[in-house]
Amino acid sequence: MQPQILKQTLNKGGRVYGCMLSAMASTRYARALTGSSLDFAVIDAEHGSRDRAEIEQLCTMLKQCDITPVVRIPVPRPEWVSMALDAGATGILAPYCETEQEVSDVVGTAKWHPLKGAYLQRAIKENIFPSDASRHYLENIHRDTLVIIGIESVPAYENLDRLLSIGQIDGIFIGPNDLSTSMGIPDDYTNQQYIQIVGDIIHRCEAKKIPVMVHQQSIETSTMAINLGARFILHAQDTNILQRALQSELNQLRQLSGDPAIDNATDIKAV
C-alpha cells in the first residue's frame, strides 16, 4: 500500500496490516512479499543488526512491492531519524519514548528533515522557517512521512497525555514485552492489568484520532489488540511467521505420508 493511501485509510478510521522484519536481509524475498497482502512492514534496526546500506536495500524492495517501509530506529534521537529517512524510510518508529523532548525531537526531525541545528530547533519550538518557500518545500517532501512513537513503559504511559500534546504524531506503538516487563508482569498478555492499560492507551489515542499498533505475536493476541481498538495492525515478525508456516506445511506432509507430526518449534520472542 502506498504511504498516502495508508495514511488516508487510518485517517478515515480504517485498519492497515503489517509485520516486523527482524531477520530478512536478502532482497530476493521480494517474491514472497509481492502479493502477501502486507500494507506496511517495519524494518527492525533497534534489535536487528542492520547497517544503513541494508536498510536502504530493504526500503527500496518494499516500495517496489507496494509495501510502505517503516524503520524502527535504535533510539529516539534525531540523528537516527535522519539516517532512516536518507535510507528511504517512509515511516519512522521511535522506540521507548518517555519524555516530551524525545518526542519533539523525533517528530520535528521527521517532519522538517533536512533542517538541522539551530534552524531545526527554531522550526520545532517557534514554528519559524528560513522562508515560506522552505516551509512549503519541507511540507511537500514529507507529506507522506509517518511518525510513530513507542509507548513501552509505565513512565511513558503515565506521561501519555503530555507526549500526545506534541502533535503531528501519526501512530503510537506498544511493545508488549517492554511494557509488560516494566509493569512487573513479563509477557503475561492475559493479565487484566496489561489488557486494561493497552485498552486505555488505545482509547485515549483514538480520542485524538491517533491509531495504535500493538506488536503481538500470535493470532489470538493480535485479535485481542484489534478487539481493543487497535487499527495499525503489526502482527508477528518474519522469523516466527516462517517458522509456523514451515512447521504447519511439513507436518501436513508427514501426516499424509503416514509419519507422526513433530511439535518441536520453540517460541520466538518479540523484541
C-alpha atoms as a PDB file:
ATOM      1  CA  MET A   1       0.000   0.000   0.000  1.00  0.00           C
ATOM      2  CA  GLN A   2       1.314   3.430  -0.932  1.00  0.00           C
ATOM      3  CA  PRO A   3       2.010   5.648   2.125  1.00  0.00           C
ATOM      4  CA  GLN A   4      -0.547   8.285   1.146  1.00  0.00           C
ATOM      5  CA  ILE A   5      -3.245   5.596   0.873  1.00  0.00           C
ATOM      6  CA  LEU A   6      -2.129   4.101   4.194  1.00  0.00           C
ATOM      7  CA  LYS A   7      -2.448   7.470   5.914  1.00  0.00           C
ATOM      8  CA  GLN A   8      -5.828   8.122   4.309  1.00  0.00           C
ATOM      9  CA  THR A   9      -7.090   4.708   5.419  1.00  0.00           C
ATOM     10  CA  LEU A  10      -6.039   5.351   9.025  1.00  0.00           C
ATOM     11  CA  ASN A  11      -7.409   8.903   8.997  1.00  0.00           C
ATOM     12  CA  LYS A  12     -10.791   7.576   7.880  1.00  0.00           C
ATOM     13  CA  GLY A  13     -10.900   5.069  10.749  1.00  0.00           C
ATOM     14  CA  GLY A  14      -9.801   2.018   8.783  1.00  0.00           C
ATOM     15  CA  ARG A  15      -7.216  -0.653   9.537  1.00  0.00           C
ATOM     16  CA  VAL A  16      -3.872  -1.415   7.908  1.00  0.00           C
ATOM     17  CA  TYR A  17      -1.871  -4.608   8.313  1.00  0.00           C
ATOM     18  CA  GLY A  18       1.833  -5.328   8.555  1.00  0.00           C
ATOM     19  CA  CYS A  19       4.585  -7.334  10.206  1.00  0.00           C
ATOM     20  CA  MET A  20       8.076  -6.824  11.597  1.00  0.00           C
ATOM     21  CA  LEU A  21      11.157  -7.723   9.557  1.00  0.00           C
ATOM     22  CA  SER A  22      13.704  -8.777  12.158  1.00  0.00           C
ATOM     23  CA  ALA A  23      15.935 -11.150  10.182  1.00  0.00           C
ATOM     24  CA  MET A  24      15.154 -10.719   6.490  1.00  0.00           C
ATOM     25  CA  ALA A  25      18.136  -9.356   4.597  1.00  0.00           C
ATOM     26  CA  SER A  26      18.206 -10.597   1.015  1.00  0.00           C
ATOM     27  CA  THR A  27      16.157  -8.574  -1.455  1.00  0.00           C
ATOM     28  CA  ARG A  28      15.233 -11.877  -3.115  1.00  0.00           C
ATOM     29  CA  TYR A  29      12.462 -12.028  -0.512  1.00  0.00           C
ATOM     30  CA  ALA A  30      10.606  -9.598  -2.789  1.00  0.00           C
ATOM     31  CA  ARG A  31       8.997 -12.638  -4.443  1.00  0.00           C
ATOM     32  CA  ALA A  32       7.453 -13.735  -1.165  1.00  0.00           C
ATOM     33  CA  LEU A  33       6.354 -10.236  -0.192  1.00  0.00           C
ATOM     34  CA  THR A  34       4.694  -9.404  -3.507  1.00  0.00           C
ATOM     35  CA  GLY A  35       1.030 -10.255  -3.133  1.00  0.00           C
ATOM     36  CA  SER A  36       1.443 -11.006   0.580  1.00  0.00           C
ATOM     37  CA  SER A  37      -1.370  -8.535   1.458  1.00  0.00           C
ATOM     38  CA  LEU A  38       1.024  -6.538   3.667  1.00  0.00           C
ATOM     39  CA  ASP A  39       0.175  -2.837   3.714  1.00  0.00           C
ATOM     40  CA  PHE A  40       3.381  -1.944   5.554  1.00  0.00           C
ATOM     41  CA  ALA A  41       6.411  -3.605   7.106  1.00  0.00           C
ATOM     42  CA  VAL A  42       8.602  -2.451   9.983  1.00  0.00           C
ATOM     43  CA  ILE A  43      12.328  -2.904   9.399  1.00  0.00           C
ATOM     44  CA  ASP A  44      13.843  -3.541  12.815  1.00  0.00           C
ATOM     45  CA  ALA A  45      17.018  -1.510  13.241  1.00  0.00           C
ATOM     46  CA  GLU A  46      16.694  -1.385  17.042  1.00  0.00           C
ATOM     47  CA  HIS A  47      17.351  -5.048  17.814  1.00  0.00           C
ATOM     48  CA  GLY A  48      18.287  -6.200  14.314  1.00  0.00           C
ATOM     49  CA  SER A  49      21.931  -5.901  13.246  1.00  0.00           C
ATOM     50  CA  ARG A  50      21.454  -3.809  10.124  1.00  0.00           C
ATOM     51  CA  ASP A  51      23.681  -1.183   8.567  1.00  0.00           C
ATOM     52  CA  ARG A  52      22.492   1.797   6.530  1.00  0.00           C
ATOM     53  CA  ALA A  53      23.059   0.046   3.205  1.00  0.00           C
ATOM     54  CA  GLU A  54      20.899  -2.922   4.228  1.00  0.00           C
ATOM     55  CA  ILE A  55      18.114  -0.608   5.394  1.00  0.00           C
ATOM     56  CA  GLU A  56      18.236   1.248   2.079  1.00  0.00           C
ATOM     57  CA  GLN A  57      18.018  -2.018   0.123  1.00  0.00           C
ATOM     58  CA  LEU A  58      15.041  -3.236   2.151  1.00  0.00           C
ATOM     59  CA  CYS A  59      13.241   0.113   1.839  1.00  0.00           C
ATOM     60  CA  THR A  60      13.708   0.017  -1.933  1.00  0.00           C
ATOM     61  CA  MET A  61      12.495  -3.589  -2.117  1.00  0.00           C
ATOM     62  CA  LEU A  62       9.389  -2.876  -0.031  1.00  0.00           C
ATOM     63  CA  LYS A  63       8.466   0.137  -2.166  1.00  0.00           C
ATOM     64  CA  GLN A  64       8.800  -1.996  -5.284  1.00  0.00           C
ATOM     65  CA  CYS A  65       6.393  -4.480  -3.678  1.00  0.00           C
ATOM     66  CA  ASP A  66       3.911  -1.655  -2.910  1.00  0.00           C
ATOM     67  CA  ILE A  67       4.547  -2.025   0.833  1.00  0.00           C
ATOM     68  CA  THR A  68       5.172   1.083   2.944  1.00  0.00           C
ATOM     69  CA  PRO A  69       8.590   0.800   4.660  1.00  0.00           C
ATOM     70  CA  VAL A  70       8.761   1.859   8.306  1.00  0.00           C
ATOM     71  CA  VAL A  71      12.120   1.786  10.117  1.00  0.00           C
ATOM     72  CA  ARG A  72      12.301   1.169  13.847  1.00  0.00           C
ATOM     73  CA  ILE A  73      15.349   3.214  14.779  1.00  0.00           C
ATOM     74  CA  PRO A  74      17.663   2.155  17.651  1.00  0.00           C
ATOM     75  CA  VAL A  75      16.879   5.094  19.969  1.00  0.00           C
ATOM     76  CA  PRO A  76      14.624   8.170  19.774  1.00  0.00           C
ATOM     77  CA  ARG A  77      17.333  10.522  18.562  1.00  0.00           C
ATOM     78  CA  PRO A  78      17.227  12.998  15.627  1.00  0.00           C
ATOM     79  CA  GLU A  79      20.409  11.563  14.087  1.00  0.00           C
ATOM     80  CA  TRP A  80      18.809   8.142  13.690  1.00  0.00           C
ATOM     81  CA  VAL A  81      15.635   9.661  12.253  1.00  0.00           C
ATOM     82  CA  SER A  82      17.707  11.466   9.614  1.00  0.00           C
ATOM     83  CA  MET A  83      19.656   8.338   8.704  1.00  0.00           C
ATOM     84  CA  ALA A  84      16.464   6.282   8.286  1.00  0.00           C
ATOM     85  CA  LEU A  85      14.872   8.942   6.090  1.00  0.00           C
ATOM     86  CA  ASP A  86      18.028   9.199   3.991  1.00  0.00           C
ATOM     87  CA  ALA A  87      17.885   5.405   3.531  1.00  0.00           C
ATOM     88  CA  GLY A  88      14.402   5.675   2.049  1.00  0.00           C
ATOM     89  CA  ALA A  89      12.113   5.079   5.012  1.00  0.00           C
ATOM     90  CA  THR A  90       8.588   6.420   4.610  1.00  0.00           C
ATOM     91  CA  GLY A  91       7.813   5.847   8.277  1.00  0.00           C
ATOM     92  CA  ILE A  92       9.839   6.275  11.472  1.00  0.00           C
ATOM     93  CA  LEU A  93       9.118   4.196  14.558  1.00  0.00           C
ATOM     94  CA  ALA A  94      10.893   5.724  17.555  1.00  0.00           C
ATOM     95  CA  PRO A  95      11.099   3.130  20.352  1.00  0.00           C
ATOM     96  CA  TYR A  96      10.753   3.599  24.083  1.00  0.00           C
ATOM     97  CA  CYS A  97       9.912   7.297  24.270  1.00  0.00           C
ATOM     98  CA  GLU A  98       9.231   8.715  27.728  1.00  0.00           C
ATOM     99  CA  THR A  99       9.857  12.446  27.566  1.00  0.00           C
ATOM    100  CA  GLU A 100       8.365  15.346  25.650  1.00  0.00           C
ATOM    101  CA  GLN A 101      11.831  16.342  24.444  1.00  0.00           C
ATOM    102  CA  GLU A 102      12.390  12.932  22.856  1.00  0.00           C
ATOM    103  CA  VAL A 103       9.053  13.047  21.051  1.00  0.00           C
ATOM    104  CA  SER A 104       9.511  16.661  19.968  1.00  0.00           C
ATOM    105  CA  ASP A 105      12.981  15.939  18.541  1.00  0.00           C
ATOM    106  CA  VAL A 106      11.776  12.855  16.665  1.00  0.00           C
ATOM    107  CA  VAL A 107       8.643  14.491  15.245  1.00  0.00           C
ATOM    108  CA  GLY A 108      10.447  17.706  14.334  1.00  0.00           C
ATOM    109  CA  THR A 109      13.259  15.910  12.557  1.00  0.00           C
ATOM    110  CA  ALA A 110      10.895  13.579  10.691  1.00  0.00           C
ATOM    111  CA  LYS A 111       8.665  16.422   9.531  1.00  0.00           C
ATOM    112  CA  TRP A 112      11.359  19.022   8.754  1.00  0.00           C
ATOM    113  CA  HIS A 113      14.376  16.990   7.594  1.00  0.00           C
ATOM    114  CA  PRO A 114      16.904  18.061   6.263  1.00  0.00           C
ATOM    115  CA  LEU A 115      16.761  21.114   8.546  1.00  0.00           C
ATOM    116  CA  LYS A 116      19.305  20.688  11.317  1.00  0.00           C
ATOM    117  CA  GLY A 117      20.849  22.548  14.225  1.00  0.00           C
ATOM    118  CA  ALA A 118      19.564  25.991  15.176  1.00  0.00           C
ATOM    119  CA  TYR A 119      17.135  26.214  12.235  1.00  0.00           C
ATOM    120  CA  LEU A 120      15.553  22.870  13.121  1.00  0.00           C
ATOM    121  CA  GLN A 121      15.125  23.878  16.766  1.00  0.00           C
ATOM    122  CA  ARG A 122      13.601  27.167  15.689  1.00  0.00           C
ATOM    123  CA  ALA A 123      11.139  25.333  13.435  1.00  0.00           C
ATOM    124  CA  ILE A 124      10.208  22.921  16.237  1.00  0.00           C
ATOM    125  CA  LYS A 125       9.926  25.428  19.064  1.00  0.00           C
ATOM    126  CA  GLU A 126       8.823  28.616  17.307  1.00  0.00           C
ATOM    127  CA  ASN A 127       7.362  27.384  14.014  1.00  0.00           C
ATOM    128  CA  ILE A 128       9.733  29.746  12.180  1.00  0.00           C
ATOM    129  CA  PHE A 129      11.399  28.742   8.905  1.00  0.00           C
ATOM    130  CA  PRO A 130      14.080  30.314   6.724  1.00  0.00           C
ATOM    131  CA  SER A 131      11.293  31.334   4.321  1.00  0.00           C
ATOM    132  CA  ASP A 132       7.779  30.428   3.230  1.00  0.00           C
ATOM    133  CA  ALA A 133       9.373  28.643   0.291  1.00  0.00           C
ATOM    134  CA  SER A 134      11.377  26.467   2.697  1.00  0.00           C
ATOM    135  CA  ARG A 135       8.269  25.629   4.716  1.00  0.00           C
ATOM    136  CA  HIS A 136       6.265  24.670   1.621  1.00  0.00           C
ATOM    137  CA  TYR A 137       9.161  22.620   0.274  1.00  0.00           C
ATOM    138  CA  LEU A 138       9.544  20.654   3.516  1.00  0.00           C
ATOM    139  CA  GLU A 139       5.795  20.130   3.910  1.00  0.00           C
ATOM    140  CA  ASN A 140       5.662  18.757   0.371  1.00  0.00           C
ATOM    141  CA  ILE A 141       8.550  16.301   0.650  1.00  0.00           C
ATOM    142  CA  HIS A 142       7.237  14.977   3.971  1.00  0.00           C
ATOM    143  CA  ARG A 143       3.513  14.906   3.221  1.00  0.00           C
ATOM    144  CA  ASP A 144       3.566  11.077   3.295  1.00  0.00           C
ATOM    145  CA  THR A 145       6.048  10.633   6.159  1.00  0.00           C
ATOM    146  CA  LEU A 146       4.710   8.665   9.116  1.00  0.00           C
ATOM    147  CA  VAL A 147       5.917   9.285  12.669  1.00  0.00           C
ATOM    148  CA  ILE A 148       5.173   6.516  15.169  1.00  0.00           C
ATOM    149  CA  ILE A 149       6.050   6.928  18.840  1.00  0.00           C
ATOM    150  CA  GLY A 150       6.798   3.972  21.115  1.00  0.00           C
ATOM    151  CA  ILE A 151       4.900   3.815  24.419  1.00  0.00           C
ATOM    152  CA  GLU A 152       6.652   0.904  26.078  1.00  0.00           C
ATOM    153  CA  SER A 153       6.960   1.608  29.787  1.00  0.00           C
ATOM    154  CA  VAL A 154       4.954   2.665  32.819  1.00  0.00           C
ATOM    155  CA  PRO A 155       6.584   6.157  32.838  1.00  0.00           C
ATOM    156  CA  ALA A 156       5.599   6.620  29.173  1.00  0.00           C
ATOM    157  CA  TYR A 157       2.032   5.537  29.942  1.00  0.00           C
ATOM    158  CA  GLU A 158       1.828   7.927  32.887  1.00  0.00           C
ATOM    159  CA  ASN A 159       3.132  10.750  30.645  1.00  0.00           C
ATOM    160  CA  LEU A 160       0.918   9.828  27.667  1.00  0.00           C
ATOM    161  CA  ASP A 161      -1.215  12.973  27.509  1.00  0.00           C
ATOM    162  CA  ARG A 162       1.818  15.265  27.505  1.00  0.00           C
ATOM    163  CA  LEU A 163       3.537  13.170  24.837  1.00  0.00           C
ATOM    164  CA  LEU A 164       0.461  13.239  22.605  1.00  0.00           C
ATOM    165  CA  SER A 165       0.209  17.002  23.027  1.00  0.00           C
ATOM    166  CA  ILE A 166       3.404  17.413  20.936  1.00  0.00           C
ATOM    167  CA  GLY A 167       1.232  16.947  17.852  1.00  0.00           C
ATOM    168  CA  GLN A 168       1.953  15.645  14.334  1.00  0.00           C
ATOM    169  CA  ILE A 169       2.120  12.055  15.624  1.00  0.00           C
ATOM    170  CA  ASP A 170       0.773   9.584  13.052  1.00  0.00           C
ATOM    171  CA  GLY A 171       0.711   6.495  15.238  1.00  0.00           C
ATOM    172  CA  ILE A 172       1.513   5.007  18.620  1.00  0.00           C
ATOM    173  CA  PHE A 173       3.469   1.765  19.013  1.00  0.00           C
ATOM    174  CA  ILE A 174       3.040  -0.501  22.038  1.00  0.00           C
ATOM    175  CA  GLY A 175       5.840  -3.002  22.629  1.00  0.00           C
ATOM    176  CA  PRO A 176       4.153  -5.718  24.729  1.00  0.00           C
ATOM    177  CA  ASN A 177       7.370  -7.285  26.006  1.00  0.00           C
ATOM    178  CA  ASP A 178       8.864  -3.998  27.196  1.00  0.00           C
ATOM    179  CA  LEU A 179       5.571  -2.692  28.568  1.00  0.00           C
ATOM    180  CA  SER A 180       4.667  -5.862  30.464  1.00  0.00           C
ATOM    181  CA  THR A 181       8.207  -6.137  31.850  1.00  0.00           C
ATOM    182  CA  SER A 182       8.023  -2.523  33.024  1.00  0.00           C
ATOM    183  CA  MET A 183       4.725  -3.393  34.713  1.00  0.00           C
ATOM    184  CA  GLY A 184       6.339  -6.323  36.541  1.00  0.00           C
ATOM    185  CA  ILE A 185       4.362  -8.979  34.625  1.00  0.00           C
ATOM    186  CA  PRO A 186       6.711 -10.030  31.783  1.00  0.00           C
ATOM    187  CA  ASP A 187       4.899 -11.455  28.730  1.00  0.00           C
ATOM    188  CA  ASP A 188       1.675 -12.005  30.707  1.00  0.00           C
ATOM    189  CA  TYR A 189      -0.653 -10.753  27.988  1.00  0.00           C
ATOM    190  CA  THR A 190      -3.770 -12.261  29.574  1.00  0.00           C
ATOM    191  CA  ASN A 191      -3.196 -10.258  32.757  1.00  0.00           C
ATOM    192  CA  GLN A 192      -6.136  -7.884  33.240  1.00  0.00           C
ATOM    193  CA  GLN A 193      -3.820  -5.063  34.285  1.00  0.00           C
ATOM    194  CA  TYR A 194      -1.945  -5.337  30.975  1.00  0.00           C
ATOM    195  CA  ILE A 195      -5.178  -5.531  28.973  1.00  0.00           C
ATOM    196  CA  GLN A 196      -6.579  -2.533  30.835  1.00  0.00           C
ATOM    197  CA  ILE A 197      -3.520  -0.359  30.163  1.00  0.00           C
ATOM    198  CA  VAL A 198      -3.359  -1.313  26.474  1.00  0.00           C
ATOM    199  CA  GLY A 199      -7.073  -0.615  26.134  1.00  0.00           C
ATOM    200  CA  ASP A 200      -6.701   2.738  27.878  1.00  0.00           C
ATOM    201  CA  ILE A 201      -3.803   3.778  25.609  1.00  0.00           C
ATOM    202  CA  ILE A 202      -5.860   2.876  22.538  1.00  0.00           C
ATOM    203  CA  HIS A 203      -8.939   4.700  23.851  1.00  0.00           C
ATOM    204  CA  ARG A 204      -7.041   7.897  24.675  1.00  0.00           C
ATOM    205  CA  CYS A 205      -5.146   7.890  21.389  1.00  0.00           C
ATOM    206  CA  GLU A 206      -8.275   7.224  19.334  1.00  0.00           C
ATOM    207  CA  ALA A 207      -9.913  10.211  21.042  1.00  0.00           C
ATOM    208  CA  LYS A 208      -7.193  12.269  19.335  1.00  0.00           C
ATOM    209  CA  LYS A 209      -7.569  10.279  16.084  1.00  0.00           C
ATOM    210  CA  ILE A 210      -4.153   8.648  16.505  1.00  0.00           C
ATOM    211  CA  PRO A 211      -4.138   4.936  15.568  1.00  0.00           C
ATOM    212  CA  VAL A 212      -2.288   2.425  17.742  1.00  0.00           C
ATOM    213  CA  MET A 213      -0.209  -0.622  16.811  1.00  0.00           C
ATOM    214  CA  VAL A 214       0.383  -3.402  19.343  1.00  0.00           C
ATOM    215  CA  HIS A 215       3.159  -5.760  18.295  1.00  0.00           C
ATOM    216  CA  GLN A 216       1.657  -9.082  19.313  1.00  0.00           C
ATOM    217  CA  GLN A 217       2.955 -12.428  18.043  1.00  0.00           C
ATOM    218  CA  SER A 218       0.001 -14.789  17.738  1.00  0.00           C
ATOM    219  CA  ILE A 219      -3.383 -14.684  16.021  1.00  0.00           C
ATOM    220  CA  GLU A 220      -5.020 -14.789  19.464  1.00  0.00           C
ATOM    221  CA  THR A 221      -3.109 -11.843  20.939  1.00  0.00           C
ATOM    222  CA  SER A 222      -3.289  -9.788  17.736  1.00  0.00           C
ATOM    223  CA  THR A 223      -7.042 -10.410  17.672  1.00  0.00           C
ATOM    224  CA  MET A 224      -7.232  -9.183  21.255  1.00  0.00           C
ATOM    225  CA  ALA A 225      -5.457  -5.966  20.192  1.00  0.00           C
ATOM    226  CA  ILE A 226      -7.920  -5.493  17.321  1.00  0.00           C
ATOM    227  CA  ASN A 227     -10.847  -6.072  19.675  1.00  0.00           C
ATOM    228  CA  LEU A 228      -9.413  -3.406  21.995  1.00  0.00           C
ATOM    229  CA  GLY A 229      -9.476  -0.975  19.066  1.00  0.00           C
ATOM    230  CA  ALA A 230      -6.012  -1.215  17.503  1.00  0.00           C
ATOM    231  CA  ARG A 231      -6.123  -0.200  13.815  1.00  0.00           C
ATOM    232  CA  PHE A 232      -2.423  -0.122  12.915  1.00  0.00           C
ATOM    233  CA  ILE A 233      -2.107  -3.918  12.959  1.00  0.00           C
ATOM    234  CA  LEU A 234       1.505  -5.065  13.466  1.00  0.00           C
ATOM    235  CA  HIS A 235       1.408  -8.854  13.584  1.00  0.00           C
ATOM    236  CA  ALA A 236       4.388 -11.043  14.458  1.00  0.00           C
ATOM    237  CA  GLN A 237       7.732 -10.962  12.649  1.00  0.00           C
ATOM    238  CA  ASP A 238       9.309 -12.697   9.701  1.00  0.00           C
ATOM    239  CA  THR A 239      11.106 -15.328  11.797  1.00  0.00           C
ATOM    240  CA  ASN A 240       8.111 -16.737  13.664  1.00  0.00           C
ATOM    241  CA  ILE A 241       5.780 -16.469  10.652  1.00  0.00           C
ATOM    242  CA  LEU A 242       8.291 -18.524   8.638  1.00  0.00           C
ATOM    243  CA  GLN A 243       8.735 -20.992  11.495  1.00  0.00           C
ATOM    244  CA  ARG A 244       4.998 -21.550  11.851  1.00  0.00           C
ATOM    245  CA  ALA A 245       4.492 -21.927   8.094  1.00  0.00           C
ATOM    246  CA  LEU A 246       7.333 -24.450   7.796  1.00  0.00           C
ATOM    247  CA  GLN A 247       6.105 -26.482  10.751  1.00  0.00           C
ATOM    248  CA  SER A 248       2.500 -26.477   9.529  1.00  0.00           C
ATOM    249  CA  GLU A 249       3.182 -27.497   5.928  1.00  0.00           C
ATOM    250  CA  LEU A 250       5.873 -30.071   6.684  1.00  0.00           C
ATOM    251  CA  ASN A 251       3.704 -31.657   9.380  1.00  0.00           C
ATOM    252  CA  GLN A 252       0.882 -31.910   6.830  1.00  0.00           C
ATOM    253  CA  LEU A 253       3.243 -33.802   4.535  1.00  0.00           C
ATOM    254  CA  ARG A 254       4.408 -36.048   7.390  1.00  0.00           C
ATOM    255  CA  GLN A 255       0.824 -36.931   8.244  1.00  0.00           C
ATOM    256  CA  LEU A 256      -0.136 -37.513   4.594  1.00  0.00           C
ATOM    257  CA  SER A 257       2.852 -39.865   4.361  1.00  0.00           C
ATOM    258  CA  GLY A 258       1.768 -41.738   7.488  1.00  0.00           C
ATOM    259  CA  ASP A 259       4.505 -40.305   9.708  1.00  0.00           C
ATOM    260  CA  PRO A 260       3.831 -38.574  13.037  1.00  0.00           C
ATOM    261  CA  ALA A 261       3.819 -34.790  13.207  1.00  0.00           C
ATOM    262  CA  ILE A 262       6.635 -33.146  15.120  1.00  0.00           C
ATOM    263  CA  ASP A 263       5.936 -30.320  17.539  1.00  0.00           C
ATOM    264  CA  ASN A 264       9.419 -29.033  18.360  1.00  0.00           C
ATOM    265  CA  ALA A 265       9.071 -25.348  17.494  1.00  0.00           C
ATOM    266  CA  THR A 266      10.359 -23.000  20.141  1.00  0.00           C
ATOM    267  CA  ASP A 267       8.585 -19.722  20.676  1.00  0.00           C
ATOM    268  CA  ILE A 268      10.495 -16.837  19.106  1.00  0.00           C
ATOM    269  CA  LYS A 269      10.070 -13.853  21.383  1.00  0.00           C
ATOM    270  CA  ALA A 270       9.318 -10.418  20.072  1.00  0.00           C
ATOM    271  CA  VAL A 271      11.894  -7.714  20.749  1.00  0.00           C
END
